[in-house]
Amino acid sequence: MVSDPFPARPLRLLHLEDSELDHELARAQLQRAGLGVACRRVETRAAFEAALDAGPWDLVLSDYNLPGFTGIDALRLLRARDADLPFVLVSGEIGEDTAVDAMRHGASDYLLKHNLARLAPAVEHAIEAAESRRARAAADRDLQASRAQLRALARHLQASIEAERAAIAREIHDDVGGSLTALKFELDWMRRHAGSPALAQRAQAALELLTHAIDASKRVMHNLRPSILEEGLVPALQWMARNFERRTGVECVLRAPADTPALPPGVPLVAYRTAQEALTNVSKHARATRVVVELALGAGVLSLEVADDGRGMSEDDRAKAHSFGLRGLQERAGTVGGWIDLASGPGGTSLILSVPIDADESLLGAEPALQRPVAPPPEPRLDREHDPSAWTPL
């Protein structure tokens, strides 16, 4: 709702006019329409600039032909100082081209001196339009401030979540992992020293159950805190892609440079979590037979694309009220100044994470990363001993 543009105080009007008679006629016309007016007349550029400095004003009313300059010149001076102050051009000889030029430079309205009956409505409309613009600008500023606060909150929450994940992972590793490993030693000793085959068989079955529990604990710990990221983003994506292919049976191809420069804090984890969430969605919903994960760095932007050949996403899928996967990815990307692009159709879905990176030559080297020869990434070992979340094996 727009506030009342005409308060009880008089309307503060700056009139740029070299004719005292025309000035009095304009003021009388406004007063006859019921507008209280506190009007000041100036007629030179210097006086006009001094009056603008002395403001504030509610509206500028200007003749076109003035001593030494024109109404268009006055409009340019005004817009250089104040983008929102209403400006109404009044002249006895204004032509269509001049009127169009005035509106193009930001005039609120124009009219002829022999048709001053339109003056009061033009002034009212100009002031109302200016009030609306100011209200929209204030709302936009409030919205931007709110979004900035939301982004800050998202960063804080994400940092808190990752810190809590790391703490839980350490607890699993140190306490649960240590206890399970010690218990495995004890059961293995009992199996080897069992006095009867039946007892040895029961001890072996218990060892197998314990091995499953250890594997489950390792998966939980790795999902909570991907320690493989300490080896770099590319090795982490290699491990994720091969593990995904082995677990789901869906072909997963990784395309990445042989090495990447040092990345800002938080970026590797955001990229890793984005790929993890995207692959999880592929396994759950896409019905795909092939996934391509591509990491690239060029023009100061890190991009990570996960593309599948599945059934794609419908508009209903994206608009689900309780579906927060994509929204969560967008918020996570925003914590490092990035964004998510999604394209989906009957031929599959492509999700792209883009994060601006400060392209420091000391980090990137002599050649841009995308122009370096890209060697195929070494095949990671997928045996249990290479599991990056593994505890010391027996």
Protein backbone atom coordinates (compact mmCIF):
# COMPACT_ATOMS: atom_id res chain seq x y z
CA MET A 1 0.00 0.00 0.00
CA VAL A 2 1.42 3.40 -1.04
CA SER A 3 1.56 6.07 1.64
CA ASP A 4 -0.40 9.29 1.20
CA PRO A 5 1.75 11.45 -1.12
CA PHE A 6 0.02 14.64 0.02
CA PRO A 7 0.58 15.22 3.75
CA ALA A 8 -0.94 18.12 5.66
CA ARG A 9 2.12 20.27 4.98
CA PRO A 10 2.25 22.31 1.74
CA LEU A 11 3.61 20.73 -1.39
CA ARG A 12 7.26 21.80 -1.80
CA LEU A 13 7.58 22.76 -5.44
CA LEU A 14 10.64 24.13 -7.23
CA HIS A 15 9.58 26.04 -10.33
CA LEU A 16 12.18 26.65 -13.03
CA GLU A 17 10.55 29.52 -14.95
CA ASP A 18 11.77 32.87 -16.30
CA SER A 19 8.26 34.38 -16.49
CA GLU A 20 6.75 35.66 -13.26
CA LEU A 21 3.28 35.66 -14.86
CA ASP A 22 3.53 32.01 -15.93
CA HIS A 23 4.75 31.14 -12.45
CA GLU A 24 1.72 32.79 -10.83
CA LEU A 25 -0.64 31.11 -13.27
CA ALA A 26 0.79 27.67 -12.47
CA ARG A 27 0.60 28.26 -8.72
CA ALA A 28 -2.97 29.53 -8.98
CA GLN A 29 -3.94 26.47 -11.00
CA LEU A 30 -2.58 24.15 -8.33
CA GLN A 31 -4.24 26.06 -5.52
CA ARG A 32 -7.55 26.06 -7.40
CA ALA A 33 -7.30 22.24 -7.52
CA GLY A 34 -7.03 22.18 -3.72
CA LEU A 35 -3.28 21.58 -3.45
CA GLY A 36 -1.43 23.53 -0.80
CA VAL A 37 1.80 24.72 -2.42
CA ALA A 38 5.01 26.20 -1.06
CA CYS A 39 6.58 27.31 -4.33
CA ARG A 40 9.96 28.81 -5.17
CA ARG A 41 10.80 30.21 -8.58
CA VAL A 42 14.31 30.16 -10.11
CA GLU A 43 15.32 30.95 -13.67
CA THR A 44 19.06 30.30 -14.11
CA ARG A 45 21.24 27.21 -13.98
CA ALA A 46 23.19 28.49 -10.96
CA ALA A 47 20.01 29.33 -9.04
CA PHE A 48 18.51 25.96 -9.95
CA GLU A 49 21.56 24.05 -8.67
CA ALA A 50 21.64 26.13 -5.49
CA ALA A 51 17.93 25.45 -4.89
CA LEU A 52 18.46 21.70 -5.39
CA ASP A 53 21.22 21.79 -2.78
CA ALA A 54 18.94 23.67 -0.40
CA GLY A 55 16.01 21.20 -0.84
CA PRO A 56 14.28 18.93 -0.12
CA TRP A 57 11.60 19.22 -2.79
CA ASP A 58 8.52 17.19 -3.65
CA LEU A 59 8.52 18.07 -7.34
CA VAL A 60 10.30 20.17 -9.98
CA LEU A 61 8.18 22.06 -12.51
CA SER A 62 10.20 23.39 -15.42
CA ASP A 63 9.77 25.53 -18.51
CA TYR A 64 11.61 24.34 -21.62
CA ASN A 65 13.22 27.58 -22.88
CA LEU A 66 15.36 29.14 -20.14
CA PRO A 67 18.17 31.70 -20.06
CA GLY A 68 21.31 29.87 -21.14
CA PHE A 69 19.97 26.32 -21.01
CA THR A 70 16.88 24.14 -21.60
CA GLY A 71 14.47 22.07 -19.57
CA ILE A 72 16.26 18.93 -20.83
CA ASP A 73 19.52 20.29 -19.40
CA ALA A 74 17.75 20.89 -16.10
CA LEU A 75 16.37 17.36 -16.16
CA ARG A 76 19.86 15.92 -16.68
CA LEU A 77 21.17 18.00 -13.76
CA LEU A 78 18.34 16.76 -11.56
CA ARG A 79 18.76 13.09 -12.48
CA ALA A 80 22.49 13.32 -11.76
CA ARG A 81 21.56 14.33 -8.19
CA ASP A 82 18.26 12.56 -7.54
CA ALA A 83 16.89 9.70 -9.60
CA ASP A 84 13.44 9.74 -8.02
CA LEU A 85 12.40 13.39 -7.69
CA PRO A 86 9.41 14.00 -10.02
CA PHE A 87 10.02 16.37 -12.93
CA VAL A 88 7.17 17.87 -14.98
CA LEU A 89 8.01 19.81 -18.14
CA VAL A 90 5.70 22.73 -19.03
CA SER A 91 6.23 24.80 -22.16
CA GLY A 92 4.42 26.91 -24.69
CA GLU A 93 6.36 25.54 -27.68
CA ILE A 94 7.31 21.96 -26.85
CA GLY A 95 7.24 19.62 -29.84
CA GLU A 96 6.64 15.89 -30.02
CA ASP A 97 10.35 15.07 -30.45
CA THR A 98 11.25 17.22 -27.45
CA ALA A 99 8.53 15.61 -25.36
CA VAL A 100 9.76 12.14 -26.27
CA ASP A 101 13.33 13.15 -25.46
CA ALA A 102 12.22 14.48 -22.07
CA MET A 103 10.38 11.28 -21.19
CA ARG A 104 13.37 9.24 -22.30
CA HIS A 105 15.58 11.19 -19.89
CA GLY A 106 13.23 10.54 -16.99
CA ALA A 107 10.60 13.30 -17.03
CA SER A 108 7.44 12.33 -15.17
CA ASP A 109 5.12 14.20 -17.56
CA TYR A 110 4.92 17.11 -19.98
CA LEU A 111 2.16 19.56 -20.90
CA LEU A 112 1.56 22.82 -22.71
CA LYS A 113 1.08 26.15 -20.97
CA HIS A 114 -2.23 26.75 -22.73
CA ASN A 115 -3.57 23.52 -21.17
CA LEU A 116 -2.82 24.05 -17.48
CA ALA A 117 -6.04 22.29 -16.53
CA ARG A 118 -3.94 19.12 -16.67
CA LEU A 119 -1.30 20.53 -14.30
CA ALA A 120 -2.78 19.41 -10.97
CA PRO A 121 -3.55 15.82 -12.15
CA ALA A 122 -0.06 15.60 -13.69
CA VAL A 123 1.56 16.76 -10.43
CA GLU A 124 -0.52 14.31 -8.36
CA HIS A 125 0.26 11.42 -10.67
CA ALA A 126 4.00 12.25 -10.76
CA ILE A 127 4.25 12.38 -6.97
CA GLU A 128 2.27 9.17 -6.55
CA ALA A 129 4.49 7.41 -9.10
CA ALA A 130 7.62 8.62 -7.28
CA GLU A 131 6.24 7.40 -3.95
CA SER A 132 5.55 4.00 -5.54
CA ARG A 133 9.10 3.82 -6.90
CA ARG A 134 10.54 4.71 -3.51
CA ALA A 135 8.35 2.11 -1.81
CA ARG A 136 9.46 -0.55 -4.30
CA ALA A 137 13.10 0.44 -3.86
CA ALA A 138 12.74 0.23 -0.07
CA ALA A 139 11.07 -3.17 -0.40
CA ASP A 140 13.88 -4.34 -2.70
CA ARG A 141 16.49 -3.17 -0.19
CA ASP A 142 14.67 -4.98 2.61
CA LEU A 143 14.43 -8.10 0.46
CA GLN A 144 18.15 -7.99 -0.37
CA ALA A 145 18.99 -7.53 3.31
CA SER A 146 16.73 -10.44 4.19
CA ARG A 147 18.37 -12.62 1.55
CA ALA A 148 21.81 -11.68 2.82
CA GLN A 149 20.77 -12.64 6.34
CA LEU A 150 19.34 -15.91 5.02
CA ARG A 151 22.59 -16.69 3.20
CA ALA A 152 24.58 -15.92 6.35
CA LEU A 153 22.27 -18.16 8.36
CA ALA A 154 22.59 -20.93 5.76
CA ARG A 155 26.40 -20.66 5.94
CA HIS A 156 26.29 -20.80 9.72
CA LEU A 157 23.91 -23.77 9.76
CA GLN A 158 25.97 -25.62 7.17
CA ALA A 159 29.16 -25.03 9.13
CA SER A 160 27.42 -26.21 12.31
CA ILE A 161 26.08 -29.31 10.57
CA GLU A 162 29.48 -30.24 9.17
CA ALA A 163 31.14 -29.66 12.54
CA GLU A 164 28.56 -31.90 14.20
CA ARG A 165 29.02 -34.52 11.50
CA ALA A 166 32.77 -34.47 12.04
CA ALA A 167 32.32 -34.82 15.81
CA ILE A 168 29.98 -37.79 15.40
CA ALA A 169 32.34 -39.40 12.88
CA ARG A 170 35.22 -39.05 15.35
CA GLU A 171 33.10 -40.65 18.08
CA ILE A 172 32.26 -43.56 15.78
CA HIS A 173 35.89 -43.96 14.78
CA ASP A 174 37.40 -43.63 18.23
CA ASP A 175 34.80 -45.30 20.44
CA VAL A 176 32.57 -47.55 18.33
CA GLY A 177 35.34 -48.46 15.90
CA GLY A 178 37.84 -49.19 18.63
CA SER A 179 35.37 -51.33 20.56
CA LEU A 180 34.29 -53.30 17.51
CA THR A 181 37.88 -53.90 16.45
CA ALA A 182 38.83 -55.10 19.94
CA LEU A 183 35.77 -57.36 20.00
CA LYS A 184 36.80 -58.80 16.65
CA PHE A 185 40.22 -59.68 18.07
CA GLU A 186 38.56 -61.44 21.00
CA LEU A 187 36.16 -63.41 18.84
CA ASP A 188 38.94 -64.45 16.50
CA TRP A 189 40.98 -65.68 19.47
CA MET A 190 37.98 -67.64 20.74
CA ARG A 191 37.46 -69.19 17.31
CA ARG A 192 41.08 -70.29 17.09
CA HIS A 193 41.08 -71.73 20.61
CA ALA A 194 37.61 -73.26 20.57
CA GLY A 195 37.45 -76.70 22.16
CA SER A 196 34.77 -78.00 19.84
CA PRO A 197 33.81 -77.53 16.16
CA ALA A 198 30.36 -76.23 17.18
CA LEU A 199 31.86 -73.44 19.27
CA ALA A 200 34.32 -72.55 16.50
CA GLN A 201 31.43 -72.39 14.04
CA ARG A 202 29.43 -70.08 16.32
CA ALA A 203 32.49 -67.86 16.80
CA GLN A 204 32.98 -67.69 13.02
CA ALA A 205 29.31 -66.67 12.52
CA ALA A 206 29.70 -63.99 15.18
CA LEU A 207 32.83 -62.73 13.40
CA GLU A 208 30.90 -62.42 10.14
CA LEU A 209 28.12 -60.44 11.86
CA LEU A 210 30.71 -58.22 13.46
CA THR A 211 32.36 -57.63 10.10
CA HIS A 212 29.01 -56.46 8.71
CA ALA A 213 28.62 -54.13 11.70
CA ILE A 214 32.09 -52.69 11.13
CA ASP A 215 31.36 -52.17 7.43
CA ALA A 216 28.09 -50.41 8.27
CA SER A 217 29.84 -48.21 10.83
CA LYS A 218 32.48 -47.29 8.27
CA ARG A 219 29.82 -46.33 5.73
CA VAL A 220 28.04 -44.17 8.28
CA MET A 221 31.31 -42.52 9.30
CA HIS A 222 32.32 -41.86 5.72
CA ASN A 223 28.92 -40.34 4.89
CA LEU A 224 29.19 -38.11 7.94
CA ARG A 225 32.72 -36.95 7.24
CA PRO A 226 34.38 -37.76 3.89
CA SER A 227 37.94 -38.04 5.12
CA ILE A 228 39.08 -38.92 1.60
CA LEU A 229 38.75 -35.21 0.80
CA GLU A 230 42.03 -34.78 2.63
CA GLU A 231 43.61 -36.47 -0.40
CA GLY A 232 41.99 -33.93 -2.76
CA LEU A 233 38.72 -33.40 -4.58
CA VAL A 234 39.62 -35.51 -7.62
CA PRO A 235 40.58 -38.64 -5.61
CA ALA A 236 37.40 -38.20 -3.56
CA LEU A 237 35.27 -38.07 -6.71
CA GLN A 238 37.13 -41.07 -8.13
CA TRP A 239 36.34 -43.08 -5.02
CA MET A 240 32.71 -41.95 -5.03
CA ALA A 241 32.18 -42.76 -8.72
CA ARG A 242 33.70 -46.24 -8.53
CA ASN A 243 31.90 -47.03 -5.29
CA PHE A 244 28.59 -45.86 -6.82
CA GLU A 245 29.14 -48.06 -9.89
CA ARG A 246 30.00 -51.08 -7.78
CA ARG A 247 27.05 -50.56 -5.42
CA THR A 248 24.31 -49.80 -7.99
CA GLY A 249 25.50 -51.48 -11.18
CA VAL A 250 25.05 -48.16 -13.06
CA GLU A 251 28.03 -47.18 -15.20
CA CYS A 252 29.64 -44.07 -13.72
CA VAL A 253 32.26 -42.18 -15.73
CA LEU A 254 34.45 -39.51 -14.13
CA ARG A 255 36.05 -36.83 -16.28
CA ALA A 256 38.47 -34.63 -14.37
CA PRO A 257 41.87 -32.99 -14.80
CA ALA A 258 44.84 -34.92 -13.51
CA ASP A 259 45.24 -32.34 -10.77
CA THR A 260 43.45 -29.26 -9.51
CA PRO A 261 44.80 -26.10 -7.88
CA ALA A 262 44.29 -25.37 -4.23
CA LEU A 263 40.64 -24.47 -3.72
CA PRO A 264 39.15 -21.99 -1.23
CA PRO A 265 37.98 -23.45 2.08
CA GLY A 266 34.61 -25.11 1.89
CA VAL A 267 34.54 -25.51 -1.90
CA PRO A 268 35.78 -29.15 -2.04
CA LEU A 269 33.23 -30.22 0.56
CA VAL A 270 30.38 -28.44 -1.25
CA ALA A 271 31.41 -30.06 -4.55
CA TYR A 272 31.68 -33.47 -2.90
CA ARG A 273 28.29 -33.19 -1.17
CA THR A 274 26.67 -31.97 -4.40
CA ALA A 275 27.96 -34.98 -6.33
CA GLN A 276 26.94 -37.27 -3.48
CA GLU A 277 23.37 -35.91 -3.40
CA ALA A 278 23.09 -36.00 -7.21
CA LEU A 279 24.25 -39.62 -7.39
CA THR A 280 21.88 -40.57 -4.58
CA ASN A 281 18.99 -39.06 -6.54
CA VAL A 282 20.10 -40.92 -9.67
CA SER A 283 20.12 -44.24 -7.83
CA LYS A 284 16.70 -43.59 -6.28
CA HIS A 285 14.70 -41.97 -9.06
CA ALA A 286 16.41 -41.71 -12.45
CA ARG A 287 16.35 -45.34 -13.68
CA ALA A 288 19.56 -44.50 -15.50
CA THR A 289 22.07 -46.86 -17.11
CA ARG A 290 24.94 -44.38 -17.28
CA VAL A 291 26.12 -41.34 -15.29
CA VAL A 292 28.89 -38.91 -16.20
CA VAL A 293 30.54 -36.81 -13.49
CA GLU A 294 32.65 -34.02 -14.97
CA LEU A 295 34.86 -31.61 -13.04
CA ALA A 296 36.34 -28.59 -14.83
CA LEU A 297 38.08 -25.37 -13.89
CA GLY A 298 38.35 -22.47 -16.31
CA ALA A 299 37.73 -18.73 -16.59
CA GLY A 300 37.84 -18.47 -12.82
CA VAL A 301 34.91 -20.85 -12.30
CA LEU A 302 34.88 -24.36 -10.89
CA SER A 303 32.09 -26.43 -12.43
CA LEU A 304 30.91 -29.87 -11.48
CA GLU A 305 28.32 -31.58 -13.69
CA VAL A 306 26.47 -34.80 -12.94
CA ALA A 307 24.53 -35.99 -16.01
CA ASP A 308 22.49 -39.18 -16.38
CA ASP A 309 20.51 -40.83 -19.18
CA GLY A 310 17.48 -41.56 -17.03
CA ARG A 311 13.80 -40.69 -17.27
CA GLY A 312 14.27 -37.01 -16.38
CA MET A 313 12.28 -34.84 -14.00
CA SER A 314 8.80 -33.49 -14.58
CA GLU A 315 7.58 -30.09 -13.45
CA ASP A 316 5.55 -31.86 -10.77
CA ASP A 317 8.74 -33.51 -9.46
CA ARG A 318 10.44 -30.12 -9.12
CA ALA A 319 7.43 -28.50 -7.48
CA LYS A 320 6.87 -31.06 -4.74
CA ALA A 321 6.17 -29.17 -1.53
CA HIS A 322 8.21 -31.55 0.63
CA SER A 323 11.08 -32.12 -1.79
CA PHE A 324 14.07 -30.23 -0.44
CA GLY A 325 16.95 -31.95 -2.24
CA LEU A 326 17.42 -29.36 -4.99
CA ARG A 327 16.67 -26.48 -2.65
CA GLY A 328 19.21 -27.83 -0.20
CA LEU A 329 21.83 -28.04 -2.95
CA GLN A 330 21.11 -24.45 -3.97
CA GLU A 331 21.50 -23.26 -0.39
CA ARG A 332 24.70 -25.26 0.04
CA ALA A 333 26.14 -23.81 -3.19
CA GLY A 334 25.26 -20.31 -1.99
CA THR A 335 27.43 -20.74 1.10
CA VAL A 336 30.53 -20.54 -1.15
CA GLY A 337 29.09 -18.02 -3.62
CA GLY A 338 28.03 -20.64 -6.15
CA TRP A 339 24.80 -21.67 -7.83
CA ILE A 340 23.04 -24.73 -9.23
CA ASP A 341 21.69 -25.13 -12.78
CA LEU A 342 19.36 -27.99 -13.62
CA ALA A 343 18.26 -29.19 -17.05
CA SER A 344 16.03 -32.22 -17.37
CA GLY A 345 14.03 -33.94 -20.06
CA PRO A 346 13.07 -37.36 -21.40
CA GLY A 347 16.73 -38.02 -22.30
CA GLY A 348 18.07 -37.50 -18.79
CA THR A 349 19.03 -34.90 -16.23
CA SER A 350 22.06 -32.63 -15.94
CA LEU A 351 22.89 -30.88 -12.67
CA ILE A 352 25.70 -28.33 -12.71
CA LEU A 353 27.38 -26.70 -9.73
CA SER A 354 29.28 -23.49 -10.58
CA VAL A 355 31.53 -21.74 -8.05
CA PRO A 356 33.59 -18.62 -8.85
CA ILE A 357 37.24 -19.20 -7.99
CA ASP A 358 39.91 -16.53 -7.64
CA ALA A 359 42.16 -17.42 -10.57
CA ASP A 360 45.52 -16.77 -8.92
CA GLU A 361 48.32 -17.55 -11.36
CA SER A 362 50.42 -18.93 -8.51
CA LEU A 363 47.77 -21.57 -8.01
CA LEU A 364 46.79 -22.26 -11.60
CA GLY A 365 50.27 -22.35 -13.01
CA ALA A 366 51.36 -21.16 -16.43
CA GLU A 367 48.44 -22.78 -18.26
CA PRO A 368 44.74 -22.69 -17.45
CA ALA A 369 43.61 -25.95 -15.91
CA LEU A 370 41.28 -26.78 -18.79
CA GLN A 371 44.08 -26.47 -21.34
CA ARG A 372 46.42 -28.88 -19.60
CA PRO A 373 46.56 -32.43 -20.94
CA VAL A 374 44.01 -34.37 -18.93
CA ALA A 375 45.36 -37.75 -17.98
CA PRO A 376 42.87 -40.48 -17.16
CA PRO A 377 42.51 -40.70 -13.40
CA PRO A 378 44.18 -43.72 -11.84
CA GLU A 379 41.81 -46.54 -11.01
CA PRO A 380 41.28 -46.49 -7.26
CA ARG A 381 41.63 -49.75 -5.40
CA LEU A 382 38.22 -50.88 -4.28
CA ASP A 383 39.27 -53.61 -1.88
CA ARG A 384 38.29 -53.23 1.74
CA GLU A 385 41.79 -52.27 2.80
CA HIS A 386 41.62 -49.16 0.63
CA ASP A 387 38.35 -47.93 2.11
CA PRO A 388 39.23 -44.39 3.16
CA SER A 389 37.06 -44.71 6.25
CA ALA A 390 38.55 -48.05 7.27
CA TRP A 391 40.00 -48.78 10.68
CA THR A 392 43.18 -50.76 11.08
CA PRO A 393 42.47 -54.23 9.64
CA LEU A 394 43.20 -57.40 11.55
